[in-house]
PDB file of N, CA and C in Angstrom:
ATOM      1  N   MET A   1       0.064   9.843  -7.839  1.00  0.00           N
ATOM      2  CA  MET A   1      -0.108   9.131  -6.589  1.00  0.00           C
ATOM      3  C   MET A   1       1.259   8.678  -6.099  1.00  0.00           C
ATOM      4  N   HIS A   2       1.434   8.798  -4.809  1.00  0.00           N
ATOM      5  CA  HIS A   2       2.700   8.419  -4.195  1.00  0.00           C
ATOM      6  C   HIS A   2       2.601   7.028  -3.564  1.00  0.00           C
ATOM      7  N   PHE A   3       3.702   6.284  -3.655  1.00  0.00           N
ATOM      8  CA  PHE A   3       3.783   4.949  -3.089  1.00  0.00           C
ATOM      9  C   PHE A   3       5.117   4.774  -2.386  1.00  0.00           C
ATOM     10  N   CYS A   4       5.117   3.878  -1.404  1.00  0.00           N
ATOM     11  CA  CYS A   4       6.342   3.474  -0.719  1.00  0.00           C
ATOM     12  C   CYS A   4       6.487   1.969  -0.916  1.00  0.00           C
ATOM     13  N   LEU A   5       7.616   1.570  -1.456  1.00  0.00           N
ATOM     14  CA  LEU A   5       7.916   0.163  -1.662  1.00  0.00           C
ATOM     15  C   LEU A   5       9.088  -0.190  -0.748  1.00  0.00           C
ATOM     16  N   THR A   6       8.913  -1.235   0.048  1.00  0.00           N
ATOM     17  CA  THR A   6      10.007  -1.732   0.869  1.00  0.00           C
ATOM     18  C   THR A   6      10.197  -3.207   0.568  1.00  0.00           C
ATOM     19  N   GLY A   7      11.417  -3.676   0.740  1.00  0.00           N
ATOM     20  CA  GLY A   7      11.701  -5.089   0.529  1.00  0.00           C
ATOM     21  C   GLY A   7      13.145  -5.393   0.849  1.00  0.00           C
ATOM     22  N   GLN A   8      13.440  -6.681   0.929  1.00  0.00           N
ATOM     23  CA  GLN A   8      14.803  -7.131   1.183  1.00  0.00           C
ATOM     24  C   GLN A   8      15.367  -7.712  -0.110  1.00  0.00           C
ATOM     25  N   TYR A   9      16.648  -7.475  -0.338  1.00  0.00           N
ATOM     26  CA  TYR A   9      17.302  -8.069  -1.488  1.00  0.00           C
ATOM     27  C   TYR A   9      17.361  -9.580  -1.320  1.00  0.00           C
ATOM     28  N   THR A  10      17.162 -10.302  -2.406  1.00  0.00           N
ATOM     29  CA  THR A  10      17.289 -11.762  -2.384  1.00  0.00           C
ATOM     30  C   THR A  10      18.778 -12.113  -2.293  1.00  0.00           C
ATOM     31  N   PRO A  11      19.090 -13.339  -1.849  1.00  0.00           N
ATOM     32  CA  PRO A  11      20.502 -13.747  -1.837  1.00  0.00           C
ATOM     33  C   PRO A  11      21.164 -13.612  -3.214  1.00  0.00           C
ATOM     34  N   ARG A  12      20.429 -13.948  -4.249  1.00  0.00           N
ATOM     35  CA  ARG A  12      20.968 -13.824  -5.616  1.00  0.00           C
ATOM     36  C   ARG A  12      21.329 -12.379  -5.939  1.00  0.00           C
ATOM     37  N   ALA A  13      20.438 -11.450  -5.587  1.00  0.00           N
ATOM     38  CA  ALA A  13      20.687 -10.030  -5.846  1.00  0.00           C
ATOM     39  C   ALA A  13      21.862  -9.523  -5.016  1.00  0.00           C
ATOM     40  N   LEU A  14      21.930  -9.949  -3.753  1.00  0.00           N
ATOM     41  CA  LEU A  14      23.046  -9.528  -2.899  1.00  0.00           C
ATOM     42  C   LEU A  14      24.383 -10.008  -3.457  1.00  0.00           C
ATOM     43  N   ASN A  15      24.421 -11.243  -3.944  1.00  0.00           N
ATOM     44  CA  ASN A  15      25.654 -11.759  -4.544  1.00  0.00           C
ATOM     45  C   ASN A  15      26.053 -10.934  -5.771  1.00  0.00           C
ATOM     46  N   ALA A  16      25.084 -10.572  -6.585  1.00  0.00           N
ATOM     47  CA  ALA A  16      25.368  -9.758  -7.770  1.00  0.00           C
ATOM     48  C   ALA A  16      25.883  -8.377  -7.372  1.00  0.00           C
ATOM     49  N   ILE A  17      25.293  -7.803  -6.326  1.00  0.00           N
ATOM     50  CA  ILE A  17      25.738  -6.490  -5.843  1.00  0.00           C
ATOM     51  C   ILE A  17      27.154  -6.582  -5.285  1.00  0.00           C
ATOM     52  N   LEU A  18      27.463  -7.666  -4.556  1.00  0.00           N
ATOM     53  CA  LEU A  18      28.806  -7.834  -4.003  1.00  0.00           C
ATOM     54  C   LEU A  18      29.850  -8.042  -5.101  1.00  0.00           C
ATOM     55  N   GLU A  19      29.445  -8.682  -6.195  1.00  0.00           N
ATOM     56  CA  GLU A  19      30.356  -8.871  -7.316  1.00  0.00           C
ATOM     57  C   GLU A  19      30.654  -7.552  -8.020  1.00  0.00           C
ATOM     58  N   ASN A  20      29.715  -6.631  -7.963  1.00  0.00           N
ATOM     59  CA  ASN A  20      29.896  -5.305  -8.569  1.00  0.00           C
ATOM     60  C   ASN A  20      29.417  -4.260  -7.552  1.00  0.00           C
ATOM     61  N   PRO A  21      30.231  -3.964  -6.527  1.00  0.00           N
ATOM     62  CA  PRO A  21      29.787  -3.103  -5.435  1.00  0.00           C
ATOM     63  C   PRO A  21      29.513  -1.647  -5.819  1.00  0.00           C
ATOM     64  N   THR A  22      29.911  -1.234  -7.018  1.00  0.00           N
ATOM     65  CA  THR A  22      29.618   0.143  -7.439  1.00  0.00           C
ATOM     66  C   THR A  22      28.331   0.228  -8.255  1.00  0.00           C
ATOM     67  N   THR A  23      27.609  -0.889  -8.354  1.00  0.00           N
ATOM     68  CA  THR A  23      26.351  -0.885  -9.096  1.00  0.00           C
ATOM     69  C   THR A  23      25.415   0.180  -8.532  1.00  0.00           C
ATOM     70  N   ASN A  24      24.649   0.799  -9.415  1.00  0.00           N
ATOM     71  CA  ASN A  24      23.769   1.896  -9.019  1.00  0.00           C
ATOM     72  C   ASN A  24      22.319   1.420  -9.055  1.00  0.00           C
ATOM     73  N   ARG A  25      21.836   0.909  -7.952  1.00  0.00           N
ATOM     74  CA  ARG A  25      20.463   0.404  -7.881  1.00  0.00           C
ATOM     75  C   ARG A  25      19.462   1.552  -7.958  1.00  0.00           C
ATOM     76  N   GLN A  26      19.857   2.748  -7.518  1.00  0.00           N
ATOM     77  CA  GLN A  26      18.953   3.890  -7.607  1.00  0.00           C
ATOM     78  C   GLN A  26      18.676   4.236  -9.068  1.00  0.00           C
ATOM     79  N   GLU A  27      19.679   4.158  -9.903  1.00  0.00           N
ATOM     80  CA  GLU A  27      19.477   4.433 -11.322  1.00  0.00           C
ATOM     81  C   GLU A  27      18.576   3.373 -11.962  1.00  0.00           C
ATOM     82  N   ALA A  28      18.730   2.120 -11.551  1.00  0.00           N
ATOM     83  CA  ALA A  28      17.862   1.054 -12.060  1.00  0.00           C
ATOM     84  C   ALA A  28      16.409   1.306 -11.645  1.00  0.00           C
ATOM     85  N   ALA A  29      16.210   1.727 -10.395  1.00  0.00           N
ATOM     86  CA  ALA A  29      14.854   2.025  -9.919  1.00  0.00           C
ATOM     87  C   ALA A  29      14.274   3.209 -10.682  1.00  0.00           C
ATOM     88  N   ARG A  30      15.080   4.252 -10.861  1.00  0.00           N
ATOM     89  CA  ARG A  30      14.614   5.443 -11.582  1.00  0.00           C
ATOM     90  C   ARG A  30      14.182   5.077 -13.001  1.00  0.00           C
ATOM     91  N   LYS A  31      14.984   4.262 -13.681  1.00  0.00           N
ATOM     92  CA  LYS A  31      14.677   3.864 -15.057  1.00  0.00           C
ATOM     93  C   LYS A  31      13.346   3.123 -15.144  1.00  0.00           C
ATOM     94  N   LEU A  32      13.103   2.196 -14.220  1.00  0.00           N
ATOM     95  CA  LEU A  32      11.854   1.439 -14.210  1.00  0.00           C
ATOM     96  C   LEU A  32      10.661   2.349 -13.924  1.00  0.00           C
ATOM     97  N   ILE A  33      10.796   3.192 -12.922  1.00  0.00           N
ATOM     98  CA  ILE A  33       9.689   4.074 -12.533  1.00  0.00           C
ATOM     99  C   ILE A  33       9.379   5.070 -13.649  1.00  0.00           C
ATOM    100  N   GLU A  34      10.410   5.625 -14.267  1.00  0.00           N
ATOM    101  CA  GLU A  34      10.183   6.568 -15.364  1.00  0.00           C
ATOM    102  C   GLU A  34       9.564   5.876 -16.573  1.00  0.00           C
ATOM    103  N   ALA A  35       9.910   4.610 -16.809  1.00  0.00           N
ATOM    104  CA  ALA A  35       9.295   3.858 -17.909  1.00  0.00           C
ATOM    105  C   ALA A  35       7.792   3.695 -17.690  1.00  0.00           C
ATOM    106  N   ALA A  36       7.386   3.724 -16.408  1.00  0.00           N
ATOM    107  CA  ALA A  36       5.963   3.622 -16.063  1.00  0.00           C
ATOM    108  C   ALA A  36       5.305   5.002 -16.015  1.00  0.00           C
ATOM    109  N   GLY A  37       6.019   6.034 -16.432  1.00  0.00           N
ATOM    110  CA  GLY A  37       5.463   7.382 -16.437  1.00  0.00           C
ATOM    111  C   GLY A  37       5.577   8.086 -15.105  1.00  0.00           C
ATOM    112  N   GLY A  38       6.372   7.523 -14.199  1.00  0.00           N
ATOM    113  CA  GLY A  38       6.464   8.081 -12.853  1.00  0.00           C
ATOM    114  C   GLY A  38       7.762   8.803 -12.576  1.00  0.00           C
ATOM    115  N   LYS A  39       7.956   9.082 -11.288  1.00  0.00           N
ATOM    116  CA  LYS A  39       9.129   9.817 -10.834  1.00  0.00           C
ATOM    117  C   LYS A  39       9.617   9.203  -9.530  1.00  0.00           C
ATOM    118  N   LEU A  40      10.921   8.949  -9.456  1.00  0.00           N
ATOM    119  CA  LEU A  40      11.537   8.494  -8.213  1.00  0.00           C
ATOM    120  C   LEU A  40      11.666   9.699  -7.296  1.00  0.00           C
ATOM    121  N   VAL A  41      11.055   9.624  -6.111  1.00  0.00           N
ATOM    122  CA  VAL A  41      11.122  10.723  -5.150  1.00  0.00           C
ATOM    123  C   VAL A  41      12.360  10.566  -4.276  1.00  0.00           C
ATOM    124  N   SER A  42      12.545   9.376  -3.701  1.00  0.00           N
ATOM    125  CA  SER A  42      13.725   9.102  -2.876  1.00  0.00           C
ATOM    126  C   SER A  42      13.906   7.604  -2.739  1.00  0.00           C
ATOM    127  N   MET A  43      15.140   7.224  -2.413  1.00  0.00           N
ATOM    128  CA  MET A  43      15.462   5.814  -2.246  1.00  0.00           C
ATOM    129  C   MET A  43      16.498   5.686  -1.145  1.00  0.00           C
ATOM    130  N   TYR A  44      16.263   4.730  -0.246  1.00  0.00           N
ATOM    131  CA  TYR A  44      17.147   4.525   0.882  1.00  0.00           C
ATOM    132  C   TYR A  44      17.473   3.043   1.018  1.00  0.00           C
ATOM    133  N   SER A  45      18.671   2.774   1.525  1.00  0.00           N
ATOM    134  CA  SER A  45      19.013   1.410   1.914  1.00  0.00           C
ATOM    135  C   SER A  45      18.602   1.237   3.366  1.00  0.00           C
ATOM    136  N   VAL A  46      18.100   0.060   3.701  1.00  0.00           N
ATOM    137  CA  VAL A  46      17.674  -0.216   5.071  1.00  0.00           C
ATOM    138  C   VAL A  46      18.272  -1.543   5.520  1.00  0.00           C
ATOM    139  N   ALA A  47      18.455  -1.673   6.823  1.00  0.00           N
ATOM    140  CA  ALA A  47      19.029  -2.897   7.373  1.00  0.00           C
ATOM    141  C   ALA A  47      17.999  -3.739   8.114  1.00  0.00           C
ATOM    142  N   THR A  48      16.778  -3.274   8.204  1.00  0.00           N
ATOM    143  CA  THR A  48      15.729  -4.010   8.892  1.00  0.00           C
ATOM    144  C   THR A  48      15.470  -5.334   8.193  1.00  0.00           C
ATOM    145  N   ASP A  49      15.463  -6.420   8.949  1.00  0.00           N
ATOM    146  CA  ASP A  49      15.189  -7.759   8.414  1.00  0.00           C
ATOM    147  C   ASP A  49      16.143  -8.160   7.282  1.00  0.00           C
ATOM    148  N   GLY A  50      17.327  -7.632   7.277  1.00  0.00           N
ATOM    149  CA  GLY A  50      18.302  -7.959   6.233  1.00  0.00           C
ATOM    150  C   GLY A  50      18.499  -6.793   5.289  1.00  0.00           C
ATOM    151  N   PRO A  51      19.544  -6.832   4.471  1.00  0.00           N
ATOM    152  CA  PRO A  51      19.782  -5.727   3.547  1.00  0.00           C
ATOM    153  C   PRO A  51      18.584  -5.509   2.637  1.00  0.00           C
ATOM    154  N   GLY A  52      18.126  -4.288   2.607  1.00  0.00           N
ATOM    155  CA  GLY A  52      16.946  -4.011   1.804  1.00  0.00           C
ATOM    156  C   GLY A  52      16.897  -2.592   1.318  1.00  0.00           C
ATOM    157  N   VAL A  53      15.707  -2.206   0.895  1.00  0.00           N
ATOM    158  CA  VAL A  53      15.518  -0.921   0.253  1.00  0.00           C
ATOM    159  C   VAL A  53      14.161  -0.344   0.620  1.00  0.00           C
ATOM    160  N   LEU A  54      14.080   0.980   0.627  1.00  0.00           N
ATOM    161  CA  LEU A  54      12.834   1.712   0.784  1.00  0.00           C
ATOM    162  C   LEU A  54      12.814   2.738  -0.341  1.00  0.00           C
ATOM    163  N   VAL A  55      11.801   2.673  -1.182  1.00  0.00           N
ATOM    164  CA  VAL A  55      11.696   3.550  -2.342  1.00  0.00           C
ATOM    165  C   VAL A  55      10.376   4.304  -2.274  1.00  0.00           C
ATOM    166  N   ILE A  56      10.451   5.618  -2.406  1.00  0.00           N
ATOM    167  CA  ILE A  56       9.250   6.440  -2.493  1.00  0.00           C
ATOM    168  C   ILE A  56       9.189   6.972  -3.917  1.00  0.00           C
ATOM    169  N   PHE A  57       8.043   6.740  -4.560  1.00  0.00           N
ATOM    170  CA  PHE A  57       7.892   7.166  -5.944  1.00  0.00           C
ATOM    171  C   PHE A  57       6.472   7.596  -6.209  1.00  0.00           C
ATOM    172  N   GLU A  58       6.298   8.319  -7.305  1.00  0.00           N
ATOM    173  CA  GLU A  58       4.952   8.702  -7.712  1.00  0.00           C
ATOM    174  C   GLU A  58       4.716   8.243  -9.138  1.00  0.00           C
ATOM    175  N   VAL A  59       3.486   7.825  -9.392  1.00  0.00           N
ATOM    176  CA  VAL A  59       3.059   7.410 -10.728  1.00  0.00           C
ATOM    177  C   VAL A  59       1.654   7.955 -10.961  1.00  0.00           C
ATOM    178  N   PRO A  60       1.359   8.370 -12.196  1.00  0.00           N
ATOM    179  CA  PRO A  60       0.026   8.903 -12.469  1.00  0.00           C
ATOM    180  C   PRO A  60      -1.054   7.823 -12.525  1.00  0.00           C
ATOM    181  N   ASP A  61      -0.663   6.612 -12.894  1.00  0.00           N
ATOM    182  CA  ASP A  61      -1.602   5.498 -13.004  1.00  0.00           C
ATOM    183  C   ASP A  61      -1.372   4.559 -11.816  1.00  0.00           C
ATOM    184  N   PRO A  62      -2.354   4.415 -10.917  1.00  0.00           N
ATOM    185  CA  PRO A  62      -2.138   3.583  -9.733  1.00  0.00           C
ATOM    186  C   PRO A  62      -1.851   2.119 -10.052  1.00  0.00           C
ATOM    187  N   SER A  63      -2.229   1.633 -11.223  1.00  0.00           N
ATOM    188  CA  SER A  63      -1.939   0.239 -11.562  1.00  0.00           C
ATOM    189  C   SER A  63      -0.458   0.031 -11.886  1.00  0.00           C
ATOM    190  N   ALA A  64       0.276   1.106 -12.115  1.00  0.00           N
ATOM    191  CA  ALA A  64       1.708   0.993 -12.398  1.00  0.00           C
ATOM    192  C   ALA A  64       2.481   0.580 -11.154  1.00  0.00           C
ATOM    193  N   ALA A  65       2.029   0.986  -9.977  1.00  0.00           N
ATOM    194  CA  ALA A  65       2.759   0.685  -8.742  1.00  0.00           C
ATOM    195  C   ALA A  65       2.859  -0.816  -8.476  1.00  0.00           C
ATOM    196  N   PRO A  66       1.755  -1.582  -8.509  1.00  0.00           N
ATOM    197  CA  PRO A  66       1.905  -3.024  -8.307  1.00  0.00           C
ATOM    198  C   PRO A  66       2.663  -3.700  -9.452  1.00  0.00           C
ATOM    199  N   ALA A  67       2.616  -3.124 -10.652  1.00  0.00           N
ATOM    200  CA  ALA A  67       3.400  -3.677 -11.761  1.00  0.00           C
ATOM    201  C   ALA A  67       4.890  -3.518 -11.472  1.00  0.00           C
ATOM    202  N   ILE A  68       5.285  -2.356 -10.977  1.00  0.00           N
ATOM    203  CA  ILE A  68       6.679  -2.108 -10.601  1.00  0.00           C
ATOM    204  C   ILE A  68       7.094  -3.058  -9.490  1.00  0.00           C
ATOM    205  N   SER A  69       6.264  -3.167  -8.485  1.00  0.00           N
ATOM    206  CA  SER A  69       6.548  -4.053  -7.357  1.00  0.00           C
ATOM    207  C   SER A  69       6.692  -5.497  -7.813  1.00  0.00           C
ATOM    208  N   GLY A  70       5.761  -5.940  -8.634  1.00  0.00           N
ATOM    209  CA  GLY A  70       5.781  -7.316  -9.121  1.00  0.00           C
ATOM    210  C   GLY A  70       7.013  -7.624  -9.951  1.00  0.00           C
ATOM    211  N   LEU A  71       7.452  -6.672 -10.752  1.00  0.00           N
ATOM    212  CA  LEU A  71       8.646  -6.887 -11.566  1.00  0.00           C
ATOM    213  C   LEU A  71       9.890  -7.079 -10.709  1.00  0.00           C
ATOM    214  N   THR A  72       9.985  -6.349  -9.609  1.00  0.00           N
ATOM    215  CA  THR A  72      11.163  -6.505  -8.752  1.00  0.00           C
ATOM    216  C   THR A  72      11.186  -7.882  -8.095  1.00  0.00           C
ATOM    217  N   VAL A  73      10.003  -8.439  -7.851  1.00  0.00           N
ATOM    218  CA  VAL A  73       9.918  -9.777  -7.250  1.00  0.00           C
ATOM    219  C   VAL A  73      10.190 -10.852  -8.298  1.00  0.00           C
ATOM    220  N   THR A  74       9.519 -10.767  -9.445  1.00  0.00           N
ATOM    221  CA  THR A  74       9.678 -11.812 -10.462  1.00  0.00           C
ATOM    222  C   THR A  74      11.070 -11.812 -11.076  1.00  0.00           C
ATOM    223  N   ALA A  75      11.758 -10.669 -11.040  1.00  0.00           N
ATOM    224  CA  ALA A  75      13.134 -10.604 -11.548  1.00  0.00           C
ATOM    225  C   ALA A  75      14.126 -11.196 -10.555  1.00  0.00           C
ATOM    226  N   GLY A  76      13.644 -11.508  -9.346  1.00  0.00           N
ATOM    227  CA  GLY A  76      14.519 -12.099  -8.339  1.00  0.00           C
ATOM    228  C   GLY A  76      15.351 -11.085  -7.576  1.00  0.00           C
ATOM    229  N   THR A  77      14.972  -9.809  -7.643  1.00  0.00           N
ATOM    230  CA  THR A  77      15.730  -8.763  -6.967  1.00  0.00           C
ATOM    231  C   THR A  77      15.320  -8.617  -5.510  1.00  0.00           C
ATOM    232  N   LEU A  78      14.018  -8.574  -5.267  1.00  0.00           N
ATOM    233  CA  LEU A  78      13.510  -8.321  -3.911  1.00  0.00           C
ATOM    234  C   LEU A  78      12.584  -9.428  -3.453  1.00  0.00           C
ATOM    235  N   GLN A  79      12.502  -9.577  -2.141  1.00  0.00           N
ATOM    236  CA  GLN A  79      11.556 -10.485  -1.501  1.00  0.00           C
ATOM    237  C   GLN A  79      10.923  -9.746  -0.331  1.00  0.00           C
ATOM    238  N   ASN A  80       9.850 -10.301   0.192  1.00  0.00           N
ATOM    239  CA  ASN A  80       9.125  -9.678   1.317  1.00  0.00           C
ATOM    240  C   ASN A  80       8.766  -8.224   1.009  1.00  0.00           C
ATOM    241  N   VAL A  81       8.293  -8.004  -0.194  1.00  0.00           N
ATOM    242  CA  VAL A  81       7.978  -6.657  -0.656  1.00  0.00           C
ATOM    243  C   VAL A  81       6.641  -6.191  -0.081  1.00  0.00           C
ATOM    244  N   LYS A  82       6.624  -4.939   0.331  1.00  0.00           N
ATOM    245  CA  LYS A  82       5.387  -4.290   0.783  1.00  0.00           C
ATOM    246  C   LYS A  82       5.221  -3.015  -0.019  1.00  0.00           C
ATOM    247  N   LEU A  83       4.023  -2.813  -0.523  1.00  0.00           N
ATOM    248  CA  LEU A  83       3.700  -1.624  -1.300  1.00  0.00           C
ATOM    249  C   LEU A  83       2.613  -0.870  -0.563  1.00  0.00           C
ATOM    250  N   THR A  84       2.860   0.386  -0.264  1.00  0.00           N
ATOM    251  CA  THR A  84       1.930   1.204   0.503  1.00  0.00           C
ATOM    252  C   THR A  84       1.597   2.465  -0.274  1.00  0.00           C
ATOM    253  N   ARG A  85       0.316   2.754  -0.405  1.00  0.00           N
ATOM    254  CA  ARG A  85      -0.126   4.007  -1.029  1.00  0.00           C
ATOM    255  C   ARG A  85       0.062   5.114  -0.008  1.00  0.00           C
ATOM    256  N   LEU A  86       0.726   6.176  -0.405  1.00  0.00           N
ATOM    257  CA  LEU A  86       0.934   7.332   0.462  1.00  0.00           C
ATOM    258  C   LEU A  86      -0.016   8.444   0.038  1.00  0.00           C
ATOM    259  N   PHE A  87      -0.499   9.199   1.006  1.00  0.00           N
ATOM    260  CA  PHE A  87      -1.419  10.299   0.734  1.00  0.00           C
ATOM    261  C   PHE A  87      -0.790  11.617   1.154  1.00  0.00           C
ATOM    262  N   THR A  88      -0.878  12.623   0.291  1.00  0.00           N
ATOM    263  CA  THR A  88      -0.421  13.953   0.661  1.00  0.00           C
ATOM    264  C   THR A  88      -1.411  14.535   1.672  1.00  0.00           C
ATOM    265  N   GLN A  89      -1.013  15.585   2.340  1.00  0.00           N
ATOM    266  CA  GLN A  89      -1.917  16.209   3.308  1.00  0.00           C
ATOM    267  C   GLN A  89      -3.151  16.778   2.618  1.00  0.00           C
ATOM    268  N   ASP A  90      -3.010  17.277   1.400  1.00  0.00           N
ATOM    269  CA  ASP A  90      -4.179  17.753   0.651  1.00  0.00           C
ATOM    270  C   ASP A  90      -5.133  16.606   0.334  1.00  0.00           C
ATOM    271  N   GLU A  91      -4.587  15.445  -0.022  1.00  0.00           N
ATOM    272  CA  GLU A  91      -5.431  14.278  -0.294  1.00  0.00           C
ATOM    273  C   GLU A  91      -6.149  13.816   0.967  1.00  0.00           C
ATOM    274  N   ILE A  92      -5.456  13.835   2.093  1.00  0.00           N
ATOM    275  CA  ILE A  92      -6.083  13.432   3.361  1.00  0.00           C
ATOM    276  C   ILE A  92      -7.180  14.411   3.747  1.00  0.00           C
ATOM    277  N   LYS A  93      -6.972  15.677   3.478  1.00  0.00           N
ATOM    278  CA  LYS A  93      -8.021  16.674   3.751  1.00  0.00           C
ATOM    279  C   LYS A  93      -9.279  16.323   2.966  1.00  0.00           C
ATOM    280  N   GLN A  94      -9.115  15.935   1.700  1.00  0.00           N
ATOM    281  CA  GLN A  94     -10.264  15.536   0.871  1.00  0.00           C
ATOM    282  C   GLN A  94     -10.913  14.271   1.416  1.00  0.00           C
ATOM    283  N   VAL A  95     -10.117  13.313   1.872  1.00  0.00           N
ATOM    284  CA  VAL A  95     -10.646  12.084   2.464  1.00  0.00           C
ATOM    285  C   VAL A  95     -11.495  12.421   3.689  1.00  0.00           C
ATOM    286  N   ARG A  96     -10.974  13.279   4.539  1.00  0.00           N
ATOM    287  CA  ARG A  96     -11.719  13.670   5.753  1.00  0.00           C
ATOM    288  C   ARG A  96     -13.028  14.365   5.405  1.00  0.00           C
ATOM    289  N   GLN A  97     -12.987  15.228   4.397  1.00  0.00           N
ATOM    290  CA  GLN A  97     -14.216  15.914   3.979  1.00  0.00           C
ATOM    291  C   GLN A  97     -15.239  14.917   3.444  1.00  0.00           C
ATOM    292  N   ASN A  98     -14.773  13.938   2.672  1.00  0.00           N
ATOM    293  CA  ASN A  98     -15.682  12.903   2.164  1.00  0.00           C
ATOM    294  C   ASN A  98     -16.252  12.067   3.302  1.00  0.00           C
ATOM    295  N   ALA A  99     -15.410  11.725   4.276  1.00  0.00           N
ATOM    296  CA  ALA A  99     -15.884  10.941   5.419  1.00  0.00           C
ATOM    297  C   ALA A  99     -16.936  11.710   6.205  1.00  0.00           C
ATOM    298  N   ALA A 100     -16.726  12.990   6.367  1.00  0.00           N
ATOM    299  CA  ALA A 100     -17.701  13.809   7.101  1.00  0.00           C
ATOM    300  C   ALA A 100     -19.050  13.822   6.384  1.00  0.00           C
ATOM    301  N   LYS A 101     -19.032  13.883   5.056  1.00  0.00           N
ATOM    302  CA  LYS A 101     -20.273  13.867   4.273  1.00  0.00           C
ATOM    303  C   LYS A 101     -20.987  12.525   4.377  1.00  0.00           C
ATOM    304  N   LEU A 102     -20.228  11.432   4.445  1.00  0.00           N
ATOM    305  CA  LEU A 102     -20.796  10.085   4.460  1.00  0.00           C
ATOM    306  C   LEU A 102     -21.181   9.600   5.848  1.00  0.00           C
ATOM    307  N   ARG A 103     -20.717  10.268   6.871  1.00  0.00           N
ATOM    308  CA  ARG A 103     -20.878   9.810   8.254  1.00  0.00           C
ATOM    309  C   ARG A 103     -22.315   9.430   8.605  1.00  0.00           C
ATOM    310  N   SER A 104     -23.268  10.229   8.218  1.00  0.00           N
ATOM    311  CA  SER A 104     -24.675   9.962   8.601  1.00  0.00           C
ATOM    312  C   SER A 104     -25.253   8.764   7.841  1.00  0.00           C
ATOM    313  N   SER A 105     -24.624   8.299   6.808  1.00  0.00           N
ATOM    314  CA  SER A 105     -25.123   7.164   6.030  1.00  0.00           C
ATOM    315  C   SER A 105     -24.677   5.827   6.570  1.00  0.00           C
ATOM    316  N   TYR A 106     -23.767   5.810   7.537  1.00  0.00           N
ATOM    317  CA  TYR A 106     -23.202   4.557   8.035  1.00  0.00           C
ATOM    318  C   TYR A 106     -23.774   4.184   9.399  1.00  0.00           C
ATOM    319  N   THR A 107     -24.124   2.910   9.532  1.00  0.00           N
ATOM    320  CA  THR A 107     -24.591   2.388  10.804  1.00  0.00           C
ATOM    321  C   THR A 107     -23.561   1.387  11.327  1.00  0.00           C
ATOM    322  N   PRO A 108     -22.888   1.714  12.441  1.00  0.00           N
ATOM    323  CA  PRO A 108     -21.890   0.799  12.970  1.00  0.00           C
ATOM    324  C   PRO A 108     -22.541  -0.448  13.581  1.00  0.00           C
ATOM    325  N   PRO A 109     -21.772  -1.528  13.761  1.00  0.00           N
ATOM    326  CA  PRO A 109     -22.316  -2.736  14.370  1.00  0.00           C
ATOM    327  C   PRO A 109     -22.855  -2.441  15.768  1.00  0.00           C
ATOM    328  N   GLY A 110     -23.943  -3.064  16.108  1.00  0.00           N
ATOM    329  CA  GLY A 110     -24.544  -2.891  17.434  1.00  0.00           C
ATOM    330  C   GLY A 110     -25.426  -1.674  17.571  1.00  0.00           C
ATOM    331  N   SER A 111     -25.607  -0.934  16.502  1.00  0.00           N
ATOM    332  CA  SER A 111     -26.446   0.272  16.583  1.00  0.00           C
ATOM    333  C   SER A 111     -27.801   0.035  15.980  1.00  0.00           C
TER     334      SER A 111
END
């Protein structure tokens, strides 16, 4: 399963990065994700709402994603974290097929 994690670095983390500007945050992310049995797909720095990060990763166990997200917050690295489940086009095709099968079983409000 693929996930997108976004967040802003905390002031403490930014100070640590400025003290060691060659630090490799991508390697730190890769190590954590791989420890959870996953794979880092891509990682970007973003400037929206302050210096931050956007990480796309995959993990076989969906409970690993919130664990990864939570660790970055409790370690004081990131704040305002958002975790989003991403779906491949094949997965969305399956979702649409399931919705089509279930459509006749649902009664919308006012009907």
